[in-house]
Protein backbone atom coordinates (compact mmCIF):
# COMPACT_ATOMS: atom_id res chain seq x y z
CA UNK A 1 98.96 61.52 145.61
CA UNK A 2 96.61 64.13 146.93
CA UNK A 3 92.65 63.93 146.91
CA UNK A 4 91.10 64.58 143.40
CA UNK A 5 88.25 66.89 142.78
CA UNK A 6 85.64 67.41 140.16
CA UNK A 7 87.79 70.33 139.10
CA UNK A 8 90.50 67.99 138.30
CA UNK A 9 88.38 65.88 136.03
CA UNK A 10 86.86 69.21 134.29
CA UNK A 11 90.27 70.35 133.65
CA UNK A 12 91.64 67.34 132.34
CA UNK A 13 88.95 66.53 130.07
CA UNK A 14 88.05 69.90 128.86
CA UNK A 15 89.61 69.94 125.34
CA UNK A 16 90.57 66.36 125.31
CA UNK A 17 89.67 64.80 122.06
CA UNK A 18 88.16 61.25 122.45
CA UNK A 19 90.29 58.46 120.69
CA UNK A 20 90.36 54.34 121.06
CA UNK A 21 91.25 52.90 124.57
CA UNK A 22 94.18 50.78 124.48
CA UNK A 23 97.43 50.69 122.45
CA UNK A 24 96.61 51.51 119.07
CA UNK A 25 98.32 52.79 116.38
CA UNK A 26 97.04 55.09 113.96
CA UNK A 27 97.37 55.52 110.26
CA UNK A 28 95.77 57.54 107.44
CA UNK A 29 95.26 57.14 103.68
CA UNK A 30 94.16 59.23 100.75
CA UNK A 31 91.58 57.75 98.52
CA UNK A 32 92.34 60.06 95.46
CA UNK A 33 89.66 60.40 92.48
CA UNK A 34 91.07 61.56 89.10
CA UNK A 35 89.21 62.68 86.21
CA UNK A 36 90.71 61.17 83.01
CA UNK A 37 88.97 62.25 79.60
CA UNK A 38 85.71 63.12 81.36
CA UNK A 39 85.65 59.85 83.47
CA UNK A 40 86.10 59.60 87.13
CA UNK A 41 89.11 57.12 88.25
CA UNK A 42 90.54 56.22 91.29
CA UNK A 43 94.23 56.17 92.01
CA UNK A 44 96.32 53.30 93.61
CA UNK A 45 99.46 52.59 94.54
CA UNK A 46 101.72 49.25 93.70
CA UNK A 47 104.28 49.18 97.13
CA UNK A 48 107.97 48.87 96.20
CA UNK A 49 109.65 45.97 96.50
CA UNK A 50 112.23 47.31 98.71
CA UNK A 51 109.82 47.74 101.74
CA UNK A 52 110.02 45.60 104.61
CA UNK A 53 106.00 45.51 104.97
CA UNK A 54 103.60 44.31 102.42
CA UNK A 55 106.26 44.96 99.49
CA UNK A 56 104.28 44.78 95.98
CA UNK A 57 101.04 45.03 97.51
CA UNK A 58 98.33 47.72 96.08
CA UNK A 59 97.13 50.20 98.04
CA UNK A 60 96.14 53.92 98.83
CA UNK A 61 99.11 56.92 99.81
CA UNK A 62 99.05 57.02 103.51
CA UNK A 63 100.89 56.15 106.55
CA UNK A 64 101.33 56.36 110.25
CA UNK A 65 100.31 59.52 111.81
CA UNK A 66 102.82 61.55 113.52
CA UNK A 67 102.38 63.11 117.13
CA UNK A 68 99.90 65.96 117.14
CA UNK A 69 99.25 65.70 113.52
CA UNK A 70 95.36 64.93 112.18
CA UNK A 71 94.28 62.80 110.29
CA UNK A 72 93.88 64.82 107.00
CA UNK A 73 97.45 66.42 107.59
CA UNK A 74 98.87 62.63 107.92
CA UNK A 75 97.23 61.52 104.37
CA UNK A 76 98.19 64.82 102.71
CA UNK A 77 101.88 64.95 104.14
CA UNK A 78 101.97 61.01 103.07
CA UNK A 79 100.85 61.57 99.68
CA UNK A 80 103.20 64.40 99.10
CA UNK A 81 106.07 62.21 99.92
CA UNK A 82 105.21 59.13 98.06
CA UNK A 83 103.67 60.60 94.90
CA UNK A 84 106.53 63.47 94.98
CA UNK A 85 103.66 66.19 94.59
CA UNK A 86 102.92 69.59 96.32
CA UNK A 87 100.46 70.39 98.67
CA UNK A 88 98.37 72.27 96.47
CA UNK A 89 98.18 69.71 94.08
CA UNK A 90 95.58 67.69 96.43
CA UNK A 91 92.26 68.91 97.19
CA UNK A 92 90.13 67.31 100.04
CA UNK A 93 86.50 66.66 100.04
CA UNK A 94 86.03 65.03 103.20
CA UNK A 95 86.85 62.39 105.77
CA UNK A 96 85.39 58.72 105.00
CA UNK A 97 84.55 56.50 107.94
CA UNK A 98 87.25 54.88 109.67
CA UNK A 99 88.30 51.45 110.36
CA UNK A 100 88.87 49.81 113.89
CA UNK A 101 91.09 46.29 113.30
CA UNK A 102 91.53 43.48 115.62
CA UNK A 103 95.36 43.93 114.97
CA UNK A 104 94.93 46.95 117.33
CA UNK A 105 95.13 49.66 114.86
CA UNK A 106 92.81 52.49 113.58
CA UNK A 107 93.15 53.46 109.82
CA UNK A 108 91.53 56.99 108.81
CA UNK A 109 90.71 57.80 105.38
CA UNK A 110 90.59 61.34 103.51
CA UNK A 111 88.72 61.58 100.02
CA UNK A 112 90.37 63.53 97.79
CA UNK A 113 91.23 65.14 94.36
CA UNK A 114 94.24 65.38 92.12
CA UNK A 115 93.97 66.57 88.71
CA UNK A 116 95.19 63.95 85.60
CA UNK A 117 97.54 66.70 84.40
CA UNK A 118 99.62 66.07 87.71
CA UNK A 119 99.35 62.24 87.80
CA UNK A 120 100.11 62.04 84.17
CA UNK A 121 103.63 63.71 85.07
CA UNK A 122 104.49 62.11 87.98
CA UNK A 123 107.72 60.59 89.45
CA UNK A 124 107.06 58.97 92.35
CA UNK A 125 109.36 58.01 95.29
CA UNK A 126 110.46 54.63 94.05
CA UNK A 127 111.73 53.65 97.99
CA UNK A 128 108.35 53.63 98.67
CA UNK A 129 106.26 52.96 95.50
CA UNK A 130 106.70 51.11 92.46
CA UNK A 131 104.14 52.31 90.48
CA UNK A 132 100.62 53.95 90.45
CA UNK A 133 97.54 53.22 88.17
CA UNK A 134 94.27 54.08 87.81
CA UNK A 135 90.95 52.31 87.83
CA UNK A 136 87.72 53.80 86.91
CA UNK A 137 84.95 54.15 89.25
CA UNK A 138 82.55 52.61 86.80
CA UNK A 139 84.29 49.43 87.49
CA UNK A 140 83.70 49.04 90.97
CA UNK A 141 79.81 50.39 90.61
CA UNK A 142 79.61 47.88 88.02
CA UNK A 143 81.58 44.58 89.68
CA UNK A 144 81.21 43.55 92.97
CA UNK A 145 84.40 42.07 94.55
CA UNK A 146 84.56 38.64 95.93
CA UNK A 147 84.43 38.32 99.64
CA UNK A 148 86.23 35.61 101.75
CA UNK A 149 85.36 35.44 105.46
CA UNK A 150 87.19 34.01 108.09
CA UNK A 151 86.85 33.83 112.05
CA UNK A 152 88.48 35.52 114.84
CA UNK A 153 88.90 33.65 117.51
CA UNK A 154 90.53 34.71 121.17
CA UNK A 155 93.64 32.77 122.07
CA UNK A 156 93.39 32.40 125.69
CA UNK A 157 96.58 30.95 127.64
CA UNK A 158 96.34 28.49 130.05
CA UNK A 159 97.28 30.25 133.00
CA UNK A 160 94.40 32.74 132.72
CA UNK A 161 93.04 33.23 136.80
CA UNK A 162 89.26 32.23 135.86
CA UNK A 163 88.81 31.41 139.26
CA UNK A 164 89.23 35.09 140.34
CA UNK A 165 86.04 35.95 138.26
CA UNK A 166 83.86 33.20 139.51
CA UNK A 167 84.27 31.24 135.98
CA UNK A 168 86.42 27.86 136.85
CA UNK A 169 84.91 26.06 134.12
CA UNK A 170 85.88 28.61 131.68
CA UNK A 171 84.48 31.42 129.66
CA UNK A 172 82.62 32.00 126.52
CA UNK A 173 84.90 34.45 125.44
CA UNK A 174 83.32 36.54 122.40
CA UNK A 175 84.42 35.63 118.77
CA UNK A 176 84.35 37.60 115.63
CA UNK A 177 84.35 37.50 112.15
CA UNK A 178 86.25 39.67 109.32
CA UNK A 179 86.15 39.53 105.53
CA UNK A 180 88.13 40.00 102.94
CA UNK A 181 86.95 41.64 99.67
CA UNK A 182 89.34 41.02 96.48
CA UNK A 183 88.73 43.11 93.18
CA UNK A 184 90.75 41.82 89.64
CA UNK A 185 91.03 44.51 87.77
CA UNK A 186 92.92 43.75 84.49
CA UNK A 187 96.51 42.43 85.72
CA UNK A 188 95.75 43.87 89.18
CA UNK A 189 94.27 42.68 92.47
CA UNK A 190 93.07 45.41 94.99
CA UNK A 191 92.00 43.21 98.50
CA UNK A 192 92.34 43.72 101.81
CA UNK A 193 91.70 47.28 103.71
CA UNK A 194 92.32 48.99 100.42
CA UNK A 195 89.37 47.00 98.92
CA UNK A 196 87.48 47.28 102.17
CA UNK A 197 87.47 51.19 101.94
CA UNK A 198 87.21 51.10 98.09
CA UNK A 199 83.82 48.97 98.61
CA UNK A 200 82.62 51.44 101.31
CA UNK A 201 82.94 54.15 99.35
CA UNK A 202 81.20 53.25 96.20
CA UNK A 203 78.37 51.84 98.65
CA UNK A 204 77.77 55.32 99.83
CA UNK A 205 77.76 57.01 96.51
CA UNK A 206 75.46 54.36 94.85
CA UNK A 207 72.99 54.80 98.14
CA UNK A 208 73.06 58.71 97.18
CA UNK A 209 72.36 58.70 93.88
CA UNK A 210 69.85 55.93 93.58
């Protein structure tokens, strides 16, 4: 390899967009707002029982980013595919905050609007979606979720070479704590990352209007 120069670094990073270091997967979801009879609702999906991963769980429309795709493009594409609607039926308001998980994936979320007329005439892709349902935004404003906490603890193998890092008696590895919010709405249970995104969205709205 030839000798590297400042110009090499300048050209490499001139138009590069920063991303997470490491082996990360990237996903994006749409948080759809739906105005029904003058009241705002959030649309949720129930995943098809045919799916290999997380069958029957409640989620937002979304999926894995394809190569060269933006978070917004992914959320819109996946929503179109899962709900069988057109691109014109989805109006994006903003990109919300994203999540970096300990299981090596990043989850982006987009806030958008779908007309109730479109939602009331849905014929979802049943290979991916069992059903959709609406929850009034007021429910989340008025009801805090149950929250469960758990520790994320490093599991370091016995072959780690502590002597090479001058830590012959082992090392005090950093630990973490994660939380799982759970909302119960009628016969539906909204939990996990979907509930985290929902709770954060409602928190931002309440802080803004108070």
